[in-house]
Protein backbone atom coordinates (compact mmCIF):
# COMPACT_ATOMS: atom_id res chain seq x y z
CA UNK A 1 112.09 79.59 77.78
CA UNK A 2 110.47 76.54 76.22
CA UNK A 3 108.05 77.56 73.53
CA UNK A 4 109.91 80.79 72.81
CA UNK A 5 108.48 82.75 75.74
CA UNK A 6 110.68 85.66 76.84
CA UNK A 7 111.94 85.60 80.43
CA UNK A 8 114.36 87.42 82.70
CA UNK A 9 117.32 85.44 83.96
CA UNK A 10 117.55 85.74 87.75
CA UNK A 11 120.39 84.87 90.12
CA UNK A 12 120.13 81.63 92.08
CA UNK A 13 120.48 81.51 95.87
CA UNK A 14 123.94 80.00 95.50
CA UNK A 15 125.09 82.77 93.17
CA UNK A 16 123.85 85.44 95.57
CA UNK A 17 125.72 83.81 98.47
CA UNK A 18 128.92 83.81 96.38
CA UNK A 19 128.53 87.52 95.55
CA UNK A 20 127.89 88.39 99.19
CA UNK A 21 131.03 86.48 100.19
CA UNK A 22 133.13 88.36 97.62
CA UNK A 23 132.00 91.71 99.07
CA UNK A 24 133.01 90.59 102.54
CA UNK A 25 136.60 91.29 101.48
CA UNK A 26 135.66 94.97 101.02
CA UNK A 27 134.29 95.37 104.55
CA UNK A 28 135.99 98.55 105.86
CA UNK A 29 134.65 98.22 109.42
CA UNK A 30 136.05 96.66 112.57
CA UNK A 31 135.44 92.92 112.05
CA UNK A 32 134.60 92.48 115.74
CA UNK A 33 131.69 94.93 115.29
CA UNK A 34 130.71 94.10 111.70
CA UNK A 35 132.03 90.62 110.97
CA UNK A 36 130.01 89.88 107.85
CA UNK A 37 129.78 91.22 104.32
CA UNK A 38 128.74 94.77 103.54
CA UNK A 39 125.96 93.19 101.45
CA UNK A 40 123.07 91.80 103.48
CA UNK A 41 120.57 89.11 102.58
CA UNK A 42 117.34 90.42 104.09
CA UNK A 43 115.64 88.43 106.83
CA UNK A 44 112.45 88.29 104.74
CA UNK A 45 114.11 85.48 102.77
CA UNK A 46 114.15 83.13 105.76
CA UNK A 47 111.32 81.36 107.55
CA UNK A 48 111.12 82.90 111.07
CA UNK A 49 110.33 79.49 112.62
CA UNK A 50 112.80 77.18 110.87
CA UNK A 51 115.43 79.71 109.76
CA UNK A 52 115.54 78.08 106.33
CA UNK A 53 115.59 80.11 103.15
CA UNK A 54 112.23 80.18 101.38
CA UNK A 55 110.95 81.08 97.94
CA UNK A 56 109.62 84.65 97.94
CA UNK A 57 107.54 86.32 95.26
CA UNK A 58 107.29 90.01 94.51
CA UNK A 59 104.81 92.10 92.57
CA UNK A 60 106.20 95.58 91.86
CA UNK A 61 104.14 98.38 90.31
CA UNK A 62 106.95 100.92 90.58
CA UNK A 63 110.14 101.47 92.56
CA UNK A 64 108.26 102.30 95.78
CA UNK A 65 105.06 100.31 95.22
CA UNK A 66 105.61 96.61 95.76
CA UNK A 67 104.47 93.62 97.82
CA UNK A 68 106.26 90.44 98.94
CA UNK A 69 104.32 87.21 99.27
CA UNK A 70 104.53 83.42 99.56
CA UNK A 71 102.57 80.79 97.62
CA UNK A 72 101.20 77.61 99.14
CA UNK A 73 101.05 74.19 97.48
CA UNK A 74 97.91 75.20 95.61
CA UNK A 75 99.46 78.43 94.33
CA UNK A 76 97.43 80.63 96.66
CA UNK A 77 99.29 83.85 97.66
CA UNK A 78 99.97 84.77 101.27
CA UNK A 79 101.35 88.21 102.09
CA UNK A 80 104.30 88.57 104.47
CA UNK A 81 102.81 89.73 107.77
CA UNK A 82 104.49 90.82 110.97
CA UNK A 83 104.26 88.29 113.82
CA UNK A 84 102.56 85.80 111.49
CA UNK A 85 105.09 84.61 108.92
CA UNK A 86 107.70 87.38 108.95
CA UNK A 87 109.45 89.96 111.10
CA UNK A 88 107.81 92.89 109.29
CA UNK A 89 104.88 93.50 106.98
CA UNK A 90 105.95 92.88 103.40
CA UNK A 91 103.88 95.45 101.54
CA UNK A 92 104.47 99.08 100.63
CA UNK A 93 102.19 101.89 101.78
CA UNK A 94 103.70 104.43 99.38
CA UNK A 95 100.95 106.30 97.54
CA UNK A 96 98.26 105.12 99.99
CA UNK A 97 99.61 106.29 103.33
CA UNK A 98 97.83 109.64 103.06
CA UNK A 99 94.39 107.97 103.17
CA UNK A 100 92.42 107.31 106.35
CA UNK A 101 91.41 103.84 107.44
CA UNK A 102 88.11 103.49 105.53
CA UNK A 103 86.44 101.40 108.25
CA UNK A 104 87.72 103.25 111.34
CA UNK A 105 89.34 106.65 110.62
CA UNK A 106 90.60 106.94 114.21
CA UNK A 107 92.56 103.68 113.95
CA UNK A 108 96.15 103.48 112.77
CA UNK A 109 95.59 99.90 111.60
CA UNK A 110 96.69 99.67 107.96
CA UNK A 111 95.46 96.14 107.28
CA UNK A 112 93.05 97.57 104.70
CA UNK A 113 96.12 98.24 102.52
CA UNK A 114 97.05 94.57 102.86
CA UNK A 115 93.53 93.67 101.66
CA UNK A 116 94.03 95.89 98.63
CA UNK A 117 97.43 94.37 97.85
CA UNK A 118 96.11 90.83 98.16
CA UNK A 119 93.46 91.64 95.57
CA UNK A 120 96.09 93.09 93.22
CA UNK A 121 98.27 89.99 93.61
CA UNK A 122 95.39 87.59 93.03
CA UNK A 123 94.32 89.40 89.86
CA UNK A 124 97.88 89.33 88.56
CA UNK A 125 97.92 85.54 89.07
CA UNK A 126 94.53 85.09 87.39
CA UNK A 127 92.81 84.09 90.66
CA UNK A 128 89.31 85.01 91.79
CA UNK A 129 88.91 88.09 94.01
CA UNK A 130 86.17 89.47 96.24
CA UNK A 131 85.11 93.16 96.08
CA UNK A 132 86.56 95.21 98.92
CA UNK A 133 83.84 96.08 101.47
CA UNK A 134 84.94 99.73 101.56
CA UNK A 135 85.46 100.25 97.80
CA UNK A 136 82.45 102.60 97.42
CA UNK A 137 83.35 104.92 100.30
CA UNK A 138 84.80 108.38 99.72
CA UNK A 139 88.62 108.28 99.73
CA UNK A 140 89.61 110.77 102.40
CA UNK A 141 92.82 112.14 103.81
CA UNK A 142 93.46 114.01 107.02
CA UNK A 143 95.18 117.40 107.08
CA UNK A 144 95.87 119.93 109.81
CA UNK A 145 94.33 123.40 109.90
CA UNK A 146 97.79 124.90 110.23
CA UNK A 147 97.42 128.19 108.35
CA UNK A 148 94.94 131.06 107.93
CA UNK A 149 94.42 129.98 104.30
CA UNK A 150 92.97 126.70 105.52
CA UNK A 151 90.90 128.15 108.36
CA UNK A 152 89.46 131.14 106.48
CA UNK A 153 86.96 129.23 104.30
CA UNK A 154 85.69 127.40 107.40
CA UNK A 155 84.64 130.62 109.13
CA UNK A 156 80.98 130.17 108.14
CA UNK A 157 80.90 126.78 109.84
CA UNK A 158 82.26 128.33 113.04
CA UNK A 159 79.79 131.23 113.06
CA UNK A 160 77.43 131.14 116.05
CA UNK A 161 79.01 128.05 117.61
CA UNK A 162 80.56 127.95 121.10
CA UNK A 163 84.34 128.03 120.97
CA UNK A 164 84.56 124.42 122.12
CA UNK A 165 82.60 123.32 119.04
CA UNK A 166 84.50 125.45 116.52
CA UNK A 167 87.24 124.25 114.15
CA UNK A 168 90.36 125.71 115.74
CA UNK A 169 93.98 126.11 114.61
CA UNK A 170 95.79 122.78 114.34
CA UNK A 171 92.58 120.75 114.47
CA UNK A 172 92.27 117.90 112.00
CA UNK A 173 90.03 118.39 108.97
CA UNK A 174 89.11 116.08 106.09
CA UNK A 175 90.28 116.36 102.50
CA UNK A 176 88.86 114.50 99.49
CA UNK A 177 90.27 113.92 96.00
CA UNK A 178 88.59 115.07 92.79
CA UNK A 179 88.12 112.49 90.04
CA UNK A 180 88.97 113.18 86.39
CA UNK A 181 86.39 115.62 84.96
CA UNK A 182 84.90 115.79 88.45
CA UNK A 183 85.31 119.51 89.14
CA UNK A 184 82.11 121.56 89.39
CA UNK A 185 81.43 123.47 86.17
CA UNK A 186 82.17 126.86 87.75
CA UNK A 187 85.41 125.80 89.49
CA UNK A 188 89.02 126.40 88.49
CA UNK A 189 90.60 122.91 88.28
CA UNK A 190 94.03 124.37 89.05
CA UNK A 191 92.84 125.94 92.31
CA UNK A 192 90.19 123.71 93.80
CA UNK A 193 90.49 121.66 96.97
CA UNK A 194 87.56 120.45 99.06
CA UNK A 195 87.86 120.30 102.84
CA UNK A 196 85.32 119.50 105.58
CA UNK A 197 85.08 119.26 109.38
CA UNK A 198 86.59 116.12 110.86
CA UNK A 199 84.11 113.25 111.11
CA UNK A 200 84.86 109.73 112.32
CA UNK A 201 81.72 108.05 110.96
CA UNK A 202 82.31 107.04 107.29
CA UNK A 203 78.54 106.87 106.74
CA UNK A 204 78.33 110.66 107.15
CA UNK A 205 81.19 111.62 104.81
CA UNK A 206 79.03 112.19 101.72
CA UNK A 207 76.68 114.52 103.61
CA UNK A 208 79.35 116.75 105.17
CA UNK A 209 79.54 120.46 104.22
CA UNK A 210 82.40 120.35 101.70
CA UNK A 211 84.04 123.72 101.12
CA UNK A 212 86.51 124.83 98.45
CA UNK A 213 89.65 126.00 100.22
CA UNK A 214 90.28 128.74 97.63
CA UNK A 215 86.85 130.33 97.20
CA UNK A 216 84.93 129.32 100.32
CA UNK A 217 82.03 128.01 98.21
CA UNK A 218 80.19 124.97 99.49
CA UNK A 219 79.53 121.90 97.32
CA UNK A 220 78.02 118.45 97.58
CA UNK A 221 80.07 115.41 96.57
CA UNK A 222 79.35 112.14 94.80
CA UNK A 223 81.34 108.99 93.98
CA UNK A 224 78.92 107.75 91.31
CA UNK A 225 78.29 110.65 88.90
CA UNK A 226 80.10 110.49 85.55
CA UNK A 227 81.29 114.13 85.86
CA UNK A 228 80.93 117.10 88.14
CA UNK A 229 77.93 119.44 87.89
CA UNK A 230 77.38 123.03 88.96
CA UNK A 231 76.79 122.12 92.60
CA UNK A 232 78.28 118.63 92.88
CA UNK A 233 81.92 117.50 92.67
CA UNK A 234 82.68 113.96 91.51
CA UNK A 235 85.26 112.69 94.01
CA UNK A 236 87.30 109.48 94.14
CA UNK A 237 86.21 106.47 96.12
CA UNK A 238 88.66 104.02 97.66
CA UNK A 239 87.89 101.75 94.72
CA UNK A 240 88.84 104.52 92.27
CA UNK A 241 92.11 105.23 94.09
CA UNK A 242 93.07 101.56 94.26
CA UNK A 243 92.32 101.00 90.57
CA UNK A 244 94.59 103.91 89.65
CA UNK A 245 97.18 102.57 92.10
CA UNK A 246 97.18 99.13 90.51
CA UNK A 247 97.80 100.53 87.03
CA UNK A 248 100.15 103.36 88.00
CA UNK A 249 102.80 103.96 85.35
CA UNK A 250 106.44 104.19 86.43
CA UNK A 251 107.28 107.61 85.00
CA UNK A 252 111.00 107.29 85.77
CA UNK A 253 111.41 104.19 83.60
CA UNK A 254 110.95 103.04 80.02
CA UNK A 255 109.93 99.67 78.62
CA UNK A 256 112.14 97.17 76.81
CA UNK A 257 111.94 99.21 73.57
CA UNK A 258 112.94 102.47 75.27
CA UNK A 259 109.47 104.03 75.12
CA UNK A 260 108.06 105.69 78.27
CA UNK A 261 106.05 103.36 80.48
CA UNK A 262 102.28 103.52 80.36
CA UNK A 263 99.63 101.93 82.56
CA UNK A 264 99.83 98.60 80.76
CA UNK A 265 103.65 98.24 80.66
CA UNK A 266 104.97 95.03 82.24
CA UNK A 267 108.34 93.26 82.30
CA UNK A 268 111.91 94.37 82.93
CA UNK A 269 112.10 98.16 82.87
CA UNK A 270 115.06 100.42 82.22
CA UNK A 271 115.91 103.95 83.22
CA UNK A 272 114.72 106.68 80.91
CA UNK A 273 117.27 108.92 79.21
CA UNK A 274 116.90 112.54 80.23
CA UNK A 275 117.86 115.48 78.07
CA UNK A 276 118.03 118.86 79.75
CA UNK A 277 116.61 121.77 77.79
CA UNK A 278 116.40 125.35 78.91
CA UNK A 279 118.02 126.96 81.96
CA UNK A 280 117.97 125.34 85.41
CA UNK A 281 115.23 126.41 87.83
CA UNK A 282 116.02 126.64 91.52
CA UNK A 283 113.28 125.63 93.95
CA UNK A 284 113.18 125.47 97.72
CA UNK A 285 112.85 122.51 100.07
CA UNK A 286 109.06 122.81 99.83
CA UNK A 287 109.41 120.64 96.73
CA UNK A 288 109.37 117.59 98.99
CA UNK A 289 105.58 117.96 98.91
CA UNK A 290 105.38 117.31 95.19
CA UNK A 291 104.40 113.70 95.97
CA UNK A 292 101.34 115.11 97.74
CA UNK A 293 100.44 116.87 94.50
CA UNK A 294 100.75 113.57 92.64
CA UNK A 295 98.53 111.72 95.10
CA UNK A 296 95.92 114.52 95.03
CA UNK A 297 96.07 115.83 98.60
CA UNK A 298 97.45 119.13 97.24
CA UNK A 299 95.77 120.36 94.09
CA UNK A 300 98.34 122.79 92.69
CA UNK A 301 102.10 122.27 92.44
CA UNK A 302 102.52 126.04 92.63
CA UNK A 303 101.30 125.92 96.23
CA UNK A 304 104.08 123.65 97.49
CA UNK A 305 107.34 125.07 96.21
CA UNK A 306 109.04 128.42 95.90
CA UNK A 307 111.12 129.25 92.85
CA UNK A 308 114.30 131.28 93.19
CA UNK A 309 115.14 132.83 89.81
CA UNK A 310 118.78 133.53 88.97
CA UNK A 311 119.15 136.31 86.41
CA UNK A 312 122.68 135.15 85.62
CA UNK A 313 121.39 131.82 84.35
CA UNK A 314 118.12 132.70 82.65
CA UNK A 315 117.61 131.95 78.97
CA UNK A 316 118.02 135.59 77.94
CA UNK A 317 121.51 135.79 79.48
CA UNK A 318 122.80 132.33 78.56
CA UNK A 319 121.21 131.80 75.13
CA UNK A 320 119.49 134.80 73.56
CA UNK A 321 122.00 137.58 74.25
CA UNK A 322 125.06 135.63 72.98
CA UNK A 323 123.22 134.97 69.70
CA UNK A 324 122.24 138.62 69.32
CA UNK A 325 125.86 139.66 69.87
CA UNK A 326 127.05 137.13 67.29
CA UNK A 327 124.70 138.38 64.55
CA UNK A 328 125.91 141.16 62.19
CA UNK A 329 124.45 144.43 63.44
CA UNK A 330 123.08 145.56 60.01
CA UNK A 331 121.22 142.27 59.64
CA UNK A 332 119.80 142.57 63.16
CA UNK A 333 118.63 146.13 62.44
CA UNK A 334 116.88 144.99 59.26
CA UNK A 335 115.18 141.99 60.84
CA UNK A 336 114.10 143.68 64.08
CA UNK A 337 113.24 147.19 62.85
CA UNK A 338 115.00 148.64 65.89
CA UNK A 339 117.54 151.44 65.72
CA UNK A 340 121.28 150.92 65.82
CA UNK A 341 121.48 152.79 69.12
CA UNK A 342 118.77 150.63 70.75
CA UNK A 343 120.41 147.40 69.60
CA UNK A 344 123.83 148.51 70.79
CA UNK A 345 122.37 149.12 74.25
CA UNK A 346 120.74 145.68 74.25
CA UNK A 347 123.97 143.96 73.20
CA UNK A 348 125.85 145.82 75.92
CA UNK A 349 123.55 144.30 78.53
CA UNK A 350 120.62 146.68 78.94
CA UNK A 351 117.26 144.88 79.10
CA UNK A 352 114.75 145.96 76.38
CA UNK A 353 111.04 146.51 77.00
CA UNK A 354 108.86 143.35 76.94
CA UNK A 355 107.65 143.92 73.36
CA UNK A 356 111.14 144.36 71.90
CA UNK A 357 112.49 141.54 74.06
CA UNK A 358 109.91 139.12 72.67
CA UNK A 359 110.78 140.22 69.12
CA UNK A 360 114.51 139.72 69.67
CA UNK A 361 113.94 136.32 71.27
CA UNK A 362 112.04 135.15 68.19
CA UNK A 363 114.84 136.35 65.92
CA UNK A 364 117.58 134.72 68.04
CA UNK A 365 115.77 131.39 68.14
CA UNK A 366 115.08 131.15 64.41
CA UNK A 367 117.00 128.29 62.74
CA UNK A 368 118.90 130.72 60.46
CA UNK A 369 119.73 133.20 63.21
CA UNK A 370 123.47 132.56 62.88
């Protein structure tokens, strides 16, 4: 651009219309049912009152975290809102949908996410913003007591209470998210998840009996301490979550130089190149909960997927054993200290004991092994 500023060349409206028209020739459907092109210009692009195409703006943090907005004559942003200036809301809830409404947990109204997005947009444009009224509240999610592992640590809370007042299977309970360095000093960060009885009054959330799902120990929580202590866990507030959300790095992409994205990367991104090392690992459909691990509602990835090992494709079979078979036997005897008979059995397919296996793996993986 003028002044040497780098910019991304975008398609004009006319160019997009021409491309859409070209793809109309590839329409494989019955033209009476689908008369237009197989490419669609989304309705968000058109004013719902006048039907005229309008200038849209987009702020995208990652592939699934984005917001669409308009700008008035003064440059002030206005989000696309259902029944106001668009057919649907124009902001993504990805990465925030697991959190309760911070002002009314029983409400399904998600306008608080729109408030957060508007603040992000205004900051990106260098405009003044107001602090969110709920920023200091504990960021909470809602989970279901759907297994004995979840109900077991809550047994003390149920003790002595009438059945009607107890936490029962499939009741809702609350879940909070630990901040960096926020784990209590005696807790295992890999297996620590605080849960509490369901409470609809946000003013009472800090004072609830928070219990570690894995050990059953009870802790207090804080959103202001620098770190966790022996009895107190430092948990994330809505302000903490939204700050991380705003500067979330797109792990699947790299910047213009090819380096992995970080929290400050901006501009046109490109896909990262992936190099596969080691044998494939087969996991079950439970892996669809890995996003819950990323957002913090599940603390340990090991809790959400099951691995199915395949002995025919492990590293020993595909990489180590072929190298051992290719090495001269006298050299292998000298370097390993094992007998000829033992090595012949290994090369024929018999698995050695763990100590000898580790020794042979080191030999096979040395640069001068072959």
